[in-house]
Amino acid sequence: MSSSASNPKKIGIIIGSTRAKRIGPQVAEFVKQTLDSSITAADSTILSLVDIATFNLPVFDEPILPAMVPSKGDFIHEHSKFWTVEIGKYDAYVIVTAEYNYGVPGGLKNAIDYLYSSWIGKPALIISYGVLGGNLASASLKQTLEGMHLRVMDTRPQLAFPGRDAENHNMSPALISAMGGVLDDTALSAWALQKGELVKGFGELKECLALAPASPRKA
């Protein structure tokens, strides 16, 4: 058995939306299925969903800065420890982010603000969705992650809701459905046509892992 087969790369697909009514888990599952379908036996890659909402993170409430953990101390709250340990399990990340009010969801940014040593230096693929594909959220997230020394992939797929009416605030049946927490079939069908871009970004992520794997870090 090859070393890659016995030590598969673990990639966490992070669900960035934490709203009560959201399509984040549905979008992430679509992404997972799309990327899973491109994995071969030679890849030795395992994809896992990571839902920020399940960690119940309050607005960052630790007395120590994340960049000082563990060299200068540790977190005191269990939610902080659970979250950073979970993120530290993965070799790379696919971050699925919505775009809310022209930016990154607050819950996602808050979750990122808990992190440092558990993920710096690791590769990340950003996949955004929104009225126009979430381009502003994607750009903002890229800036944040690169500032934290993650290696962000050049390809950043953007999934836009189809059928938008420019004369009616870009509304569409797909968007209205999403606002109610349901990802409808028209969006899934439109996004399926972007499989090539999703797989391209995933390929960059796998290549980055293979060429320059990040050193293991503990939260």
Protein backbone atom coordinates (compact mmCIF):
# COMPACT_ATOMS: atom_id res chain seq x y z
CA MET A 1 0.00 0.00 0.00
CA SER A 2 1.36 3.43 -0.93
CA SER A 3 1.98 6.05 1.73
CA SER A 4 -0.69 8.30 0.17
CA ALA A 5 -3.26 5.51 0.34
CA SER A 6 -2.46 4.76 3.98
CA ASN A 7 -2.43 8.47 4.86
CA PRO A 8 -5.23 10.08 2.85
CA LYS A 9 -5.47 13.86 2.73
CA LYS A 10 -8.37 15.18 4.75
CA ILE A 11 -10.22 18.16 3.30
CA GLY A 12 -12.86 19.99 5.30
CA ILE A 13 -15.78 21.57 3.44
CA ILE A 14 -16.74 24.45 5.72
CA ILE A 15 -20.36 25.61 5.65
CA GLY A 16 -20.08 29.36 6.06
CA SER A 17 -23.70 30.34 6.70
CA THR A 18 -25.12 30.01 10.22
CA ARG A 19 -28.54 31.61 9.71
CA ALA A 20 -31.67 29.83 10.92
CA LYS A 21 -33.04 29.85 7.36
CA ARG A 22 -30.17 28.97 5.06
CA ILE A 23 -29.21 26.89 2.08
CA GLY A 24 -25.58 26.58 3.13
CA PRO A 25 -25.77 22.86 4.01
CA GLN A 26 -27.53 22.12 0.72
CA VAL A 27 -24.96 24.07 -1.29
CA ALA A 28 -22.11 22.36 0.57
CA GLU A 29 -23.64 18.95 -0.12
CA PHE A 30 -23.90 19.82 -3.82
CA VAL A 31 -20.25 20.87 -3.76
CA LYS A 32 -19.23 17.70 -1.93
CA GLN A 33 -21.05 15.44 -4.38
CA THR A 34 -19.54 17.31 -7.34
CA LEU A 35 -16.00 17.08 -5.98
CA ASP A 36 -16.43 13.50 -4.78
CA SER A 37 -17.36 12.49 -8.32
CA SER A 38 -13.97 13.73 -9.54
CA ILE A 39 -11.88 11.85 -6.97
CA THR A 40 -9.97 8.81 -8.20
CA ALA A 41 -8.36 6.02 -6.19
CA ALA A 42 -4.98 7.63 -6.83
CA ASP A 43 -6.08 10.87 -5.14
CA SER A 44 -6.41 9.32 -1.67
CA THR A 45 -8.56 12.23 -0.56
CA ILE A 46 -11.39 12.33 1.97
CA LEU A 47 -13.96 15.15 1.99
CA SER A 48 -15.90 15.96 5.16
CA LEU A 49 -18.56 18.59 5.88
CA VAL A 50 -17.88 21.03 8.72
CA ASP A 51 -20.89 23.08 9.83
CA ILE A 52 -19.93 26.18 11.79
CA ALA A 53 -23.49 26.46 13.14
CA THR A 54 -23.12 23.25 15.16
CA PHE A 55 -20.28 24.72 17.23
CA ASN A 56 -22.46 27.52 18.69
CA LEU A 57 -19.61 30.02 18.68
CA PRO A 58 -20.37 33.34 20.41
CA VAL A 59 -18.69 36.52 19.26
CA PHE A 60 -15.02 35.84 20.02
CA ASP A 61 -14.78 35.79 23.81
CA GLU A 62 -11.30 34.51 24.68
CA PRO A 63 -8.88 36.60 26.78
CA ILE A 64 -5.93 35.33 24.72
CA LEU A 65 -5.35 36.13 21.05
CA PRO A 66 -5.54 33.13 18.67
CA ALA A 67 -2.04 33.87 17.36
CA MET A 68 -0.71 33.33 20.89
CA VAL A 69 -2.16 29.80 21.15
CA PRO A 70 -0.50 27.45 22.04
CA SER A 71 2.89 29.18 22.45
CA LYS A 72 1.72 31.62 25.15
CA GLY A 73 -1.26 29.79 26.59
CA ASP A 74 -4.54 28.14 25.65
CA PHE A 75 -8.19 28.96 25.19
CA ILE A 76 -10.34 28.75 28.30
CA HIS A 77 -13.71 28.00 26.68
CA GLU A 78 -14.71 24.57 25.44
CA HIS A 79 -16.39 25.92 22.30
CA SER A 80 -13.11 27.52 21.25
CA LYS A 81 -11.16 24.32 21.87
CA PHE A 82 -13.65 22.12 20.02
CA TRP A 83 -13.69 24.42 16.99
CA THR A 84 -9.93 24.85 16.68
CA VAL A 85 -9.28 21.13 17.19
CA GLU A 86 -11.82 20.29 14.48
CA ILE A 87 -10.22 22.67 12.00
CA GLY A 88 -6.76 21.37 12.86
CA LYS A 89 -7.78 17.87 11.71
CA TYR A 90 -7.75 18.86 8.05
CA ASP A 91 -4.94 19.24 5.56
CA ALA A 92 -6.87 21.70 3.37
CA TYR A 93 -10.22 23.45 3.16
CA VAL A 94 -13.07 24.17 0.79
CA ILE A 95 -14.92 27.16 2.20
CA VAL A 96 -18.49 27.51 0.94
CA THR A 97 -19.62 31.06 1.64
CA ALA A 98 -22.80 32.97 1.00
CA GLU A 99 -22.72 36.70 0.30
CA TYR A 100 -24.76 38.74 2.77
CA ASN A 101 -24.99 42.53 2.40
CA TYR A 102 -22.11 42.58 -0.06
CA GLY A 103 -19.72 40.66 2.17
CA VAL A 104 -18.82 37.53 4.11
CA PRO A 105 -21.43 36.19 6.57
CA GLY A 106 -20.77 37.42 10.10
CA GLY A 107 -20.83 33.89 11.50
CA LEU A 108 -18.09 32.79 9.12
CA LYS A 109 -15.87 35.78 9.88
CA ASN A 110 -16.36 35.25 13.61
CA ALA A 111 -15.41 31.57 13.30
CA ILE A 112 -12.28 32.54 11.37
CA ASP A 113 -11.37 35.01 14.12
CA TYR A 114 -10.98 32.07 16.52
CA LEU A 115 -8.30 30.47 14.34
CA TYR A 116 -4.61 30.79 13.70
CA SER A 117 -2.11 28.01 14.37
CA SER A 118 -4.57 25.23 13.52
CA TRP A 119 -4.70 26.24 9.84
CA ILE A 120 -2.04 28.76 8.81
CA GLY A 121 -0.04 27.67 5.78
CA LYS A 122 -2.69 25.26 4.57
CA PRO A 123 -4.42 25.42 1.14
CA ALA A 124 -7.95 26.75 0.78
CA LEU A 125 -10.47 26.80 -2.06
CA ILE A 126 -13.19 29.45 -1.87
CA ILE A 127 -16.60 28.70 -3.41
CA SER A 128 -19.19 31.45 -3.10
CA TYR A 129 -22.87 31.77 -3.92
CA GLY A 130 -25.27 34.68 -4.10
CA VAL A 131 -27.42 36.86 -6.32
CA LEU A 132 -24.45 37.53 -8.61
CA GLY A 133 -22.34 34.61 -7.43
CA GLY A 134 -20.94 36.13 -4.27
CA ASN A 135 -17.95 37.80 -5.91
CA LEU A 136 -17.57 40.44 -3.19
CA ALA A 137 -17.67 37.86 -0.39
CA SER A 138 -15.17 35.73 -2.28
CA ALA A 139 -12.75 38.63 -2.73
CA SER A 140 -13.05 39.69 0.90
CA LEU A 141 -12.53 36.14 2.15
CA LYS A 142 -9.49 35.73 -0.09
CA GLN A 143 -7.93 38.83 1.43
CA THR A 144 -8.60 37.60 4.96
CA LEU A 145 -7.24 34.10 4.38
CA GLU A 146 -4.13 35.30 2.58
CA GLY A 147 -3.52 37.73 5.42
CA MET A 148 -3.60 34.73 7.76
CA HIS A 149 -1.04 32.97 5.53
CA LEU A 150 -3.33 30.36 4.01
CA ARG A 151 -2.66 29.45 0.39
CA VAL A 152 -5.80 30.46 -1.54
CA MET A 153 -6.41 28.85 -4.93
CA ASP A 154 -6.52 31.07 -8.01
CA THR A 155 -9.80 29.53 -9.17
CA ARG A 156 -12.69 30.71 -6.99
CA PRO A 157 -15.99 29.36 -8.38
CA GLN A 158 -18.98 31.68 -8.00
CA LEU A 159 -22.49 30.25 -8.09
CA ALA A 160 -25.16 32.78 -9.10
CA PHE A 161 -28.90 32.28 -8.85
CA PRO A 162 -30.38 31.86 -12.34
CA GLY A 163 -33.26 33.82 -13.85
CA ARG A 164 -32.64 37.10 -12.06
CA ASP A 165 -34.67 40.14 -13.10
CA ALA A 166 -32.38 43.17 -13.30
CA GLU A 167 -35.40 45.50 -13.24
CA ASN A 168 -36.69 43.95 -10.02
CA HIS A 169 -33.66 44.03 -7.73
CA ASN A 170 -32.26 40.87 -9.37
CA MET A 171 -35.02 38.77 -7.84
CA SER A 172 -35.74 35.32 -9.21
CA PRO A 173 -37.76 32.24 -8.19
CA ALA A 174 -34.49 30.54 -7.26
CA LEU A 175 -33.49 33.44 -5.01
CA ILE A 176 -36.90 33.62 -3.37
CA SER A 177 -36.71 29.90 -2.68
CA ALA A 178 -33.22 30.30 -1.20
CA MET A 179 -34.44 33.10 1.06
CA GLY A 180 -36.90 30.57 2.45
CA GLY A 181 -34.14 28.05 3.10
CA VAL A 182 -34.67 25.83 0.06
CA LEU A 183 -32.20 25.33 -2.79
CA ASP A 184 -34.41 24.70 -5.80
CA ASP A 185 -33.79 22.54 -8.83
CA THR A 186 -33.27 25.45 -11.23
CA ALA A 187 -30.27 26.61 -9.22
CA LEU A 188 -28.88 23.09 -8.97
CA SER A 189 -29.28 22.60 -12.72
CA ALA A 190 -27.54 25.90 -13.48
CA TRP A 191 -24.73 25.19 -11.06
CA ALA A 192 -24.22 21.69 -12.43
CA LEU A 193 -23.06 23.39 -15.64
CA GLN A 194 -20.18 24.87 -13.62
CA LYS A 195 -18.83 21.47 -12.63
CA GLY A 196 -15.73 22.09 -14.73
CA GLU A 197 -14.81 25.19 -12.72
CA LEU A 198 -15.49 23.47 -9.41
CA VAL A 199 -13.33 20.51 -10.38
CA LYS A 200 -10.62 22.86 -11.68
CA GLY A 201 -10.41 24.63 -8.33
CA PHE A 202 -10.39 21.30 -6.54
CA GLY A 203 -7.59 20.13 -8.80
CA GLU A 204 -5.53 23.17 -7.82
CA LEU A 205 -6.18 22.36 -4.17
CA LYS A 206 -5.03 18.75 -4.55
CA GLU A 207 -1.98 19.83 -6.52
CA CYS A 208 -1.06 22.33 -3.82
CA LEU A 209 -1.32 19.58 -1.22
CA ALA A 210 0.80 17.20 -3.27
CA LEU A 211 3.55 19.68 -4.09
CA ALA A 212 3.94 21.44 -0.80
CA PRO A 213 1.97 19.84 2.03
CA ALA A 214 1.64 22.01 5.09
CA SER A 215 3.37 20.91 8.27
CA PRO A 216 0.96 19.41 10.83
CA ARG A 217 -0.12 21.95 13.41
CA LYS A 218 -2.00 21.61 16.63
CA ALA A 219 -4.58 24.08 17.84
